[in-house]
Each structure stands twice: as C-alpha cells, then as structure tokens.
Amino acid sequence: MIFSAVIQCLAVLLLVDMVINIQMSRKIQKAVRENLKRRQEKNEEVTVIDWKYNKLS
C-alpha cells in the first residue's frame, strides 16, 4: 500500500517535471529566435549555433 503511494507520487513528480521542462525549452527556443531576428536586423554576425537552434525550433 505504502509502496504504491510512493510510486504514484514519483509518477506525478516526473510528469510535473516533464511539463516544466517543455515550458522552459519553448521559452528558450522563443528567446533564441528573437535574438536571431534582432541580430539579422542589425546585420550582426550570426553563428552556426544560432542557425542550428533556429532550424530546430
């Protein structure tokens, strides 16, 4: 009985953690896209990493 409750609690915590990670990754992708747009508007150098992040999102 106690073991089952512990497993359920861990499952809920894992689910919450996954949701938080998804939200954070969306915020990061949005920030990267905005940063890339700003750099392109200013004609600043765009790095390969910026380009890859933009392709992934």
N, C-alpha and C. Protein backbone atom coordinates (compact mmCIF):
# COMPACT_ATOMS: atom_id res chain seq x y z
N MET A 1 0.83 -1.21 0.00
CA MET A 1 0.00 0.00 0.00
C MET A 1 0.87 1.26 0.00
N ILE A 2 1.82 1.30 0.92
CA ILE A 2 2.71 2.47 1.00
C ILE A 2 3.57 2.54 -0.25
N PHE A 3 4.04 1.38 -0.70
CA PHE A 3 4.88 1.33 -1.90
C PHE A 3 4.13 1.89 -3.11
N SER A 4 2.87 1.54 -3.23
CA SER A 4 2.05 2.02 -4.34
C SER A 4 1.89 3.54 -4.28
N ALA A 5 1.69 4.07 -3.10
CA ALA A 5 1.55 5.52 -2.93
C ALA A 5 2.84 6.24 -3.30
N VAL A 6 3.97 5.65 -2.93
CA VAL A 6 5.27 6.25 -3.26
C VAL A 6 5.46 6.27 -4.78
N ILE A 7 5.12 5.17 -5.44
CA ILE A 7 5.24 5.09 -6.90
C ILE A 7 4.35 6.13 -7.57
N GLN A 8 3.12 6.27 -7.09
CA GLN A 8 2.20 7.26 -7.67
C GLN A 8 2.73 8.68 -7.48
N CYS A 9 3.28 8.94 -6.30
CA CYS A 9 3.84 10.27 -6.02
C CYS A 9 5.01 10.56 -6.96
N LEU A 10 5.88 9.58 -7.15
CA LEU A 10 7.02 9.76 -8.05
C LEU A 10 6.55 9.98 -9.49
N ALA A 11 5.51 9.27 -9.90
CA ALA A 11 4.98 9.43 -11.25
C ALA A 11 4.44 10.84 -11.46
N VAL A 12 3.74 11.37 -10.47
CA VAL A 12 3.20 12.73 -10.56
C VAL A 12 4.34 13.74 -10.62
N LEU A 13 5.36 13.55 -9.78
CA LEU A 13 6.51 14.46 -9.79
C LEU A 13 7.23 14.42 -11.13
N LEU A 14 7.35 13.24 -11.70
CA LEU A 14 8.00 13.11 -13.01
C LEU A 14 7.20 13.83 -14.09
N LEU A 15 5.88 13.69 -14.04
CA LEU A 15 5.01 14.35 -15.01
C LEU A 15 5.13 15.88 -14.89
N VAL A 16 5.12 16.38 -13.67
CA VAL A 16 5.26 17.83 -13.44
C VAL A 16 6.61 18.31 -13.96
N ASP A 17 7.66 17.54 -13.70
CA ASP A 17 9.00 17.90 -14.17
C ASP A 17 9.04 17.95 -15.70
N MET A 18 8.39 17.00 -16.35
CA MET A 18 8.37 16.99 -17.82
C MET A 18 7.65 18.23 -18.36
N VAL A 19 6.54 18.60 -17.75
CA VAL A 19 5.79 19.78 -18.19
C VAL A 19 6.64 21.04 -18.03
N ILE A 20 7.32 21.15 -16.89
CA ILE A 20 8.19 22.31 -16.65
C ILE A 20 9.31 22.36 -17.68
N ASN A 21 9.91 21.22 -17.98
CA ASN A 21 10.99 21.18 -18.97
C ASN A 21 10.50 21.59 -20.35
N ILE A 22 9.30 21.16 -20.73
CA ILE A 22 8.74 21.52 -22.03
C ILE A 22 8.52 23.03 -22.10
N GLN A 23 7.97 23.60 -21.02
CA GLN A 23 7.73 25.04 -20.99
C GLN A 23 9.04 25.82 -21.10
N MET A 24 10.07 25.36 -20.37
CA MET A 24 11.36 26.04 -20.40
C MET A 24 11.99 25.96 -21.78
N SER A 25 11.89 24.79 -22.42
CA SER A 25 12.50 24.66 -23.75
C SER A 25 11.79 25.54 -24.77
N ARG A 26 10.48 25.70 -24.62
CA ARG A 26 9.74 26.60 -25.52
C ARG A 26 10.19 28.04 -25.32
N LYS A 27 10.38 28.43 -24.05
CA LYS A 27 10.83 29.80 -23.77
C LYS A 27 12.22 30.03 -24.34
N ILE A 28 13.10 29.03 -24.20
CA ILE A 28 14.46 29.15 -24.72
C ILE A 28 14.43 29.27 -26.24
N GLN A 29 13.63 28.44 -26.92
CA GLN A 29 13.55 28.50 -28.38
C GLN A 29 13.01 29.84 -28.84
N LYS A 30 12.02 30.36 -28.13
CA LYS A 30 11.45 31.66 -28.49
C LYS A 30 12.51 32.76 -28.33
N ALA A 31 13.26 32.70 -27.23
CA ALA A 31 14.30 33.71 -26.99
C ALA A 31 15.39 33.62 -28.06
N VAL A 32 15.76 32.41 -28.45
CA VAL A 32 16.79 32.23 -29.47
C VAL A 32 16.31 32.79 -30.81
N ARG A 33 15.06 32.52 -31.16
CA ARG A 33 14.51 33.06 -32.42
C ARG A 33 14.49 34.58 -32.41
N GLU A 34 14.06 35.17 -31.29
CA GLU A 34 14.01 36.63 -31.20
C GLU A 34 15.41 37.23 -31.29
N ASN A 35 16.36 36.57 -30.62
CA ASN A 35 17.75 37.04 -30.65
C ASN A 35 18.30 36.97 -32.07
N LEU A 36 17.99 35.90 -32.77
CA LEU A 36 18.47 35.73 -34.15
C LEU A 36 17.87 36.80 -35.06
N LYS A 37 16.57 37.07 -34.89
CA LYS A 37 15.93 38.12 -35.69
C LYS A 37 16.59 39.47 -35.44
N ARG A 38 16.84 39.77 -34.16
CA ARG A 38 17.45 41.05 -33.80
C ARG A 38 18.83 41.19 -34.43
N ARG A 39 19.59 40.10 -34.38
CA ARG A 39 20.94 40.14 -34.97
C ARG A 39 20.88 40.33 -36.47
N GLN A 40 19.92 39.67 -37.12
CA GLN A 40 19.80 39.81 -38.57
C GLN A 40 19.37 41.22 -38.95
N GLU A 41 18.49 41.82 -38.13
CA GLU A 41 18.06 43.19 -38.40
C GLU A 41 19.22 44.17 -38.27
N LYS A 42 20.10 43.88 -37.31
CA LYS A 42 21.26 44.76 -37.10
C LYS A 42 22.43 44.38 -38.00
N ASN A 43 22.24 43.34 -38.81
CA ASN A 43 23.30 42.81 -39.68
C ASN A 43 24.52 42.36 -38.88
N GLU A 44 24.25 41.83 -37.68
CA GLU A 44 25.36 41.30 -36.88
C GLU A 44 25.68 39.89 -37.36
N GLU A 45 26.84 39.42 -36.93
CA GLU A 45 27.27 38.08 -37.32
C GLU A 45 26.37 37.04 -36.67
N VAL A 46 25.89 36.10 -37.47
CA VAL A 46 25.06 35.01 -36.98
C VAL A 46 25.93 33.76 -36.93
N THR A 47 26.02 33.16 -35.75
CA THR A 47 26.89 32.00 -35.59
C THR A 47 26.18 30.73 -36.05
N VAL A 48 26.96 29.68 -36.21
CA VAL A 48 26.41 28.39 -36.63
C VAL A 48 25.45 27.87 -35.57
N ILE A 49 25.77 28.09 -34.30
CA ILE A 49 24.91 27.61 -33.21
C ILE A 49 23.55 28.29 -33.28
N ASP A 50 23.54 29.61 -33.51
CA ASP A 50 22.27 30.33 -33.64
C ASP A 50 21.45 29.75 -34.79
N TRP A 51 22.10 29.48 -35.90
CA TRP A 51 21.41 28.96 -37.07
C TRP A 51 20.83 27.58 -36.78
N LYS A 52 21.60 26.72 -36.11
CA LYS A 52 21.12 25.38 -35.78
C LYS A 52 19.92 25.44 -34.86
N TYR A 53 19.98 26.31 -33.82
CA TYR A 53 18.85 26.44 -32.91
C TYR A 53 17.60 26.91 -33.65
N ASN A 54 17.78 27.82 -34.57
CA ASN A 54 16.64 28.34 -35.33
C ASN A 54 16.05 27.24 -36.21
N LYS A 55 16.90 26.38 -36.78
CA LYS A 55 16.41 25.28 -37.62
C LYS A 55 15.64 24.27 -36.78
N LEU A 56 16.11 24.02 -35.53
CA LEU A 56 15.47 23.03 -34.68
C LEU A 56 14.10 23.49 -34.21
N SER A 57 13.96 24.79 -34.01
CA SER A 57 12.70 25.29 -33.44
C SER A 57 11.65 25.53 -34.51
